[in-house]
């Protein structure tokens, strides 16, 4: 029975990965790139000179001037409320 996540199998895979990456890195170090002059390897580029100038920033945001919905507050009882269920009394509004 082979267990895929056994420590022996994981260490074997790490060793293989380490050896392959070492071979790849060492094969890239053949020294031929250092013999060429740096001026011959420089690519041609376009150059743009930037100048600062004032810019007016404006922001246009969409909005509404009227409400989408309106609500009417109406009393649920007729007349004047003199007493309610709270412990402290609320003074009646003077006319």
N, C-alpha and C. Protein backbone atom coordinates (compact mmCIF):
# COMPACT_ATOMS: atom_id res chain seq x y z
N UNK A 1 0.84 -1.18 0.00
CA UNK A 1 0.00 0.00 0.00
C UNK A 1 0.89 1.24 0.00
N UNK A 2 0.62 2.19 -0.91
CA UNK A 2 1.43 3.40 -1.03
C UNK A 2 0.61 4.58 -0.51
N UNK A 3 1.18 5.28 0.44
CA UNK A 3 0.53 6.48 0.97
C UNK A 3 1.20 7.68 0.31
N UNK A 4 0.41 8.53 -0.32
CA UNK A 4 0.97 9.64 -1.09
C UNK A 4 1.59 10.72 -0.21
N UNK A 5 1.11 10.90 0.99
CA UNK A 5 1.61 11.97 1.84
C UNK A 5 2.54 11.45 2.93
N UNK A 6 3.17 10.33 2.72
CA UNK A 6 4.08 9.81 3.73
C UNK A 6 5.32 10.70 3.79
N UNK A 7 5.97 10.80 4.95
CA UNK A 7 7.16 11.65 5.08
C UNK A 7 8.29 11.21 4.16
N UNK A 8 8.42 9.90 3.92
CA UNK A 8 9.49 9.41 3.05
C UNK A 8 9.26 9.88 1.61
N UNK A 9 8.01 9.84 1.18
CA UNK A 9 7.67 10.25 -0.19
C UNK A 9 7.84 11.76 -0.36
N UNK A 10 7.46 12.54 0.64
CA UNK A 10 7.59 13.99 0.57
C UNK A 10 9.06 14.38 0.53
N UNK A 11 9.90 13.75 1.33
CA UNK A 11 11.33 14.06 1.32
C UNK A 11 11.97 13.68 -0.01
N UNK A 12 11.52 12.57 -0.60
CA UNK A 12 12.03 12.16 -1.90
C UNK A 12 11.67 13.17 -2.97
N UNK A 13 10.44 13.68 -2.92
CA UNK A 13 10.01 14.68 -3.91
C UNK A 13 10.77 15.99 -3.73
N UNK A 14 11.04 16.38 -2.48
CA UNK A 14 11.80 17.60 -2.22
C UNK A 14 13.22 17.47 -2.75
N UNK A 15 13.83 16.30 -2.56
CA UNK A 15 15.19 16.08 -3.04
C UNK A 15 15.25 16.15 -4.56
N UNK A 16 14.26 15.56 -5.23
CA UNK A 16 14.22 15.62 -6.70
C UNK A 16 14.04 17.07 -7.18
N UNK A 17 13.16 17.81 -6.53
CA UNK A 17 12.92 19.20 -6.91
C UNK A 17 14.17 20.05 -6.69
N UNK A 18 14.85 19.82 -5.59
CA UNK A 18 16.07 20.56 -5.29
C UNK A 18 17.16 20.26 -6.31
N UNK A 19 17.30 19.01 -6.70
CA UNK A 19 18.34 18.66 -7.66
C UNK A 19 18.04 19.22 -9.05
N UNK A 20 16.79 19.18 -9.46
CA UNK A 20 16.42 19.73 -10.77
C UNK A 20 16.61 21.24 -10.80
N UNK A 21 16.21 21.93 -9.74
CA UNK A 21 16.37 23.39 -9.73
C UNK A 21 17.85 23.77 -9.67
N UNK A 22 18.69 22.99 -9.00
CA UNK A 22 20.13 23.27 -8.97
C UNK A 22 20.74 23.12 -10.35
N UNK A 23 20.36 22.08 -11.07
CA UNK A 23 20.88 21.87 -12.43
C UNK A 23 20.46 23.02 -13.34
N UNK A 24 19.22 23.45 -13.23
CA UNK A 24 18.73 24.55 -14.09
C UNK A 24 19.48 25.85 -13.77
N UNK A 25 19.67 26.15 -12.50
CA UNK A 25 20.36 27.38 -12.13
C UNK A 25 21.83 27.36 -12.54
N UNK A 26 22.48 26.23 -12.39
CA UNK A 26 23.90 26.16 -12.75
C UNK A 26 24.11 26.15 -14.26
N UNK A 27 23.16 25.64 -15.01
CA UNK A 27 23.29 25.65 -16.47
C UNK A 27 23.15 27.06 -17.03
N UNK A 28 22.49 27.95 -16.31
CA UNK A 28 22.34 29.33 -16.76
C UNK A 28 23.61 30.13 -16.54
N UNK A 29 24.54 29.62 -15.75
CA UNK A 29 25.78 30.34 -15.42
C UNK A 29 26.93 29.85 -16.28
N UNK A 30 26.83 30.03 -17.59
CA UNK A 30 27.92 29.58 -18.45
C UNK A 30 28.97 30.67 -18.70
N UNK A 31 28.72 31.92 -18.33
CA UNK A 31 29.70 32.99 -18.41
C UNK A 31 29.76 33.69 -19.75
N UNK A 32 29.00 33.27 -20.76
CA UNK A 32 29.08 33.91 -22.07
C UNK A 32 28.43 35.29 -22.08
N UNK A 33 27.49 35.54 -21.23
CA UNK A 33 26.79 36.82 -21.20
C UNK A 33 27.67 37.93 -20.63
N UNK A 34 28.64 37.59 -19.77
CA UNK A 34 29.47 38.62 -19.15
C UNK A 34 30.55 39.13 -20.10
N UNK A 35 30.85 38.40 -21.19
CA UNK A 35 31.91 38.83 -22.11
C UNK A 35 31.44 39.93 -23.06
N UNK A 36 30.13 40.07 -23.29
CA UNK A 36 29.59 41.10 -24.18
C UNK A 36 29.62 42.44 -23.46
N UNK A 37 29.80 43.51 -24.24
CA UNK A 37 29.84 44.84 -23.64
C UNK A 37 28.43 45.31 -23.31
N UNK A 38 28.26 46.08 -22.22
CA UNK A 38 26.92 46.54 -21.85
C UNK A 38 26.31 47.50 -22.87
N UNK A 39 27.13 48.26 -23.59
CA UNK A 39 26.59 49.21 -24.57
C UNK A 39 25.95 48.49 -25.75
N UNK A 40 26.44 47.33 -26.11
CA UNK A 40 25.88 46.59 -27.23
C UNK A 40 24.54 45.97 -26.86
N UNK A 41 24.28 45.74 -25.58
CA UNK A 41 23.05 45.10 -25.16
C UNK A 41 21.93 46.09 -24.83
N UNK A 42 22.23 47.37 -24.76
CA UNK A 42 21.20 48.35 -24.38
C UNK A 42 20.17 48.48 -25.49
N UNK A 43 18.90 48.29 -25.19
CA UNK A 43 17.86 48.42 -26.22
C UNK A 43 17.55 49.88 -26.50
N UNK A 44 17.03 50.14 -27.69
CA UNK A 44 16.62 51.49 -28.06
C UNK A 44 15.28 51.79 -27.41
N UNK A 45 15.17 52.95 -26.79
CA UNK A 45 13.93 53.34 -26.11
C UNK A 45 13.52 54.74 -26.56
N UNK A 46 12.24 55.03 -26.43
CA UNK A 46 11.74 56.38 -26.70
C UNK A 46 11.72 57.15 -25.38
N UNK A 47 12.07 58.44 -25.44
CA UNK A 47 12.12 59.27 -24.25
C UNK A 47 11.09 60.38 -24.38
N UNK A 48 10.32 60.59 -23.31
CA UNK A 48 9.33 61.65 -23.26
C UNK A 48 9.65 62.53 -22.07
N UNK A 49 9.74 63.85 -22.28
CA UNK A 49 9.99 64.78 -21.19
C UNK A 49 8.67 65.31 -20.68
N UNK A 50 8.46 65.22 -19.39
CA UNK A 50 7.21 65.67 -18.78
C UNK A 50 7.39 67.04 -18.16
N UNK A 51 6.37 67.87 -18.29
CA UNK A 51 6.37 69.21 -17.69
C UNK A 51 5.13 69.33 -16.81
N UNK A 52 5.30 69.98 -15.66
CA UNK A 52 4.14 70.16 -14.78
C UNK A 52 3.33 71.36 -15.24
N UNK A 53 2.02 71.25 -15.08
CA UNK A 53 1.11 72.35 -15.44
C UNK A 53 -0.14 72.21 -14.58
N UNK A 54 -0.80 73.32 -14.29
CA UNK A 54 -2.01 73.24 -13.48
C UNK A 54 -3.16 72.62 -14.27
N UNK A 55 -3.93 71.81 -13.58
CA UNK A 55 -5.07 71.14 -14.20
C UNK A 55 -6.29 71.36 -13.30
N UNK A 56 -7.40 71.75 -13.88
CA UNK A 56 -8.63 71.95 -13.12
C UNK A 56 -9.33 70.61 -12.96
N UNK A 57 -9.54 70.21 -11.72
CA UNK A 57 -10.23 68.95 -11.44
C UNK A 57 -11.71 69.21 -11.22
N UNK A 58 -12.54 68.52 -11.96
CA UNK A 58 -13.98 68.64 -11.78
C UNK A 58 -14.56 67.25 -11.60
N UNK A 59 -15.57 67.16 -10.79
CA UNK A 59 -16.25 65.89 -10.55
C UNK A 59 -17.74 66.10 -10.80
N UNK A 60 -18.29 65.29 -11.65
CA UNK A 60 -19.71 65.36 -11.94
C UNK A 60 -20.36 64.11 -11.37
N UNK A 61 -21.21 64.30 -10.38
CA UNK A 61 -21.88 63.17 -9.73
C UNK A 61 -23.38 63.22 -10.03
N UNK A 62 -23.97 62.11 -10.43
CA UNK A 62 -25.41 62.10 -10.67
C UNK A 62 -26.17 62.13 -9.35
N UNK A 63 -27.29 62.83 -9.32
CA UNK A 63 -28.07 62.90 -8.09
C UNK A 63 -29.50 63.30 -8.38
N UNK A 64 -30.32 63.27 -7.35
CA UNK A 64 -31.72 63.65 -7.48
C UNK A 64 -32.01 64.85 -6.60
N UNK A 65 -32.91 65.68 -7.05
CA UNK A 65 -33.32 66.82 -6.24
C UNK A 65 -34.64 66.57 -5.55
N UNK A 66 -35.34 65.52 -5.95
CA UNK A 66 -36.59 65.17 -5.29
C UNK A 66 -36.47 63.76 -4.73
N UNK A 67 -37.25 63.48 -3.72
CA UNK A 67 -37.19 62.17 -3.08
C UNK A 67 -37.81 61.11 -3.97
N UNK A 68 -37.31 59.91 -3.86
CA UNK A 68 -37.86 58.80 -4.61
C UNK A 68 -39.18 58.35 -3.98
N UNK A 69 -39.22 58.37 -2.64
CA UNK A 69 -40.42 58.01 -1.90
C UNK A 69 -40.73 59.12 -0.91
N UNK A 70 -41.98 59.20 -0.54
CA UNK A 70 -42.35 60.15 0.50
C UNK A 70 -43.12 59.40 1.58
N UNK A 71 -43.00 59.87 2.78
CA UNK A 71 -43.69 59.23 3.90
C UNK A 71 -44.53 60.26 4.63
N UNK A 72 -45.73 59.88 4.98
CA UNK A 72 -46.60 60.75 5.75
C UNK A 72 -46.71 60.17 7.15
N UNK A 73 -46.49 61.00 8.15
CA UNK A 73 -46.59 60.56 9.54
C UNK A 73 -47.96 60.96 10.04
N UNK A 74 -48.74 59.97 10.41
CA UNK A 74 -50.10 60.23 10.88
C UNK A 74 -50.28 59.56 12.24
N UNK A 75 -51.08 60.17 13.11
CA UNK A 75 -51.30 59.53 14.42
C UNK A 75 -52.19 58.32 14.28
N UNK A 76 -52.01 57.38 15.18
CA UNK A 76 -52.81 56.17 15.17
C UNK A 76 -54.08 56.32 16.02
N UNK A 77 -54.17 57.42 16.80
CA UNK A 77 -55.35 57.66 17.64
C UNK A 77 -55.87 59.07 17.37
N UNK A 78 -57.13 59.27 17.70
CA UNK A 78 -57.71 60.60 17.57
C UNK A 78 -57.62 61.32 18.90
N UNK A 79 -57.51 62.64 18.89
CA UNK A 79 -57.52 63.41 20.12
C UNK A 79 -56.11 63.68 20.63
N UNK A 80 -56.04 64.10 21.92
CA UNK A 80 -54.79 64.47 22.55
C UNK A 80 -54.39 63.36 23.50
N UNK A 81 -53.14 62.95 23.47
CA UNK A 81 -52.65 61.92 24.38
C UNK A 81 -52.19 62.60 25.65
N UNK A 82 -52.80 62.27 26.76
CA UNK A 82 -52.44 62.88 28.04
C UNK A 82 -51.56 61.96 28.88
N UNK A 83 -51.65 60.69 28.64
CA UNK A 83 -50.87 59.75 29.43
C UNK A 83 -50.49 58.55 28.55
N UNK A 84 -49.32 58.00 28.83
CA UNK A 84 -48.89 56.83 28.07
C UNK A 84 -48.27 55.83 29.02
N UNK A 85 -47.73 54.74 28.53
CA UNK A 85 -47.24 53.66 29.35
C UNK A 85 -45.86 53.86 29.93
N UNK A 86 -45.20 54.99 29.72
CA UNK A 86 -43.87 55.22 30.29
C UNK A 86 -43.97 55.61 31.75
N UNK A 87 -42.88 55.39 32.50
CA UNK A 87 -42.88 55.68 33.93
C UNK A 87 -42.85 57.17 34.18
N UNK A 88 -42.13 57.94 33.36
CA UNK A 88 -42.06 59.39 33.56
C UNK A 88 -43.06 60.07 32.64
N UNK A 89 -43.79 61.04 33.13
CA UNK A 89 -44.78 61.70 32.26
C UNK A 89 -44.11 62.63 31.25
N UNK A 90 -44.71 62.73 30.11
CA UNK A 90 -44.25 63.65 29.07
C UNK A 90 -45.14 64.86 29.12
N UNK A 91 -44.56 66.09 29.19
CA UNK A 91 -45.39 67.28 29.24
C UNK A 91 -46.16 67.48 27.94
N UNK A 92 -47.39 67.94 28.06
CA UNK A 92 -48.23 68.20 26.88
C UNK A 92 -47.73 69.44 26.19
N UNK A 93 -47.87 69.48 24.89
CA UNK A 93 -47.41 70.64 24.11
C UNK A 93 -48.36 71.79 24.33
N UNK A 94 -47.79 72.99 24.54
CA UNK A 94 -48.61 74.19 24.74
C UNK A 94 -48.96 74.79 23.41
N UNK A 95 -50.19 75.28 23.34
CA UNK A 95 -50.64 75.92 22.09
C UNK A 95 -50.48 77.40 22.13
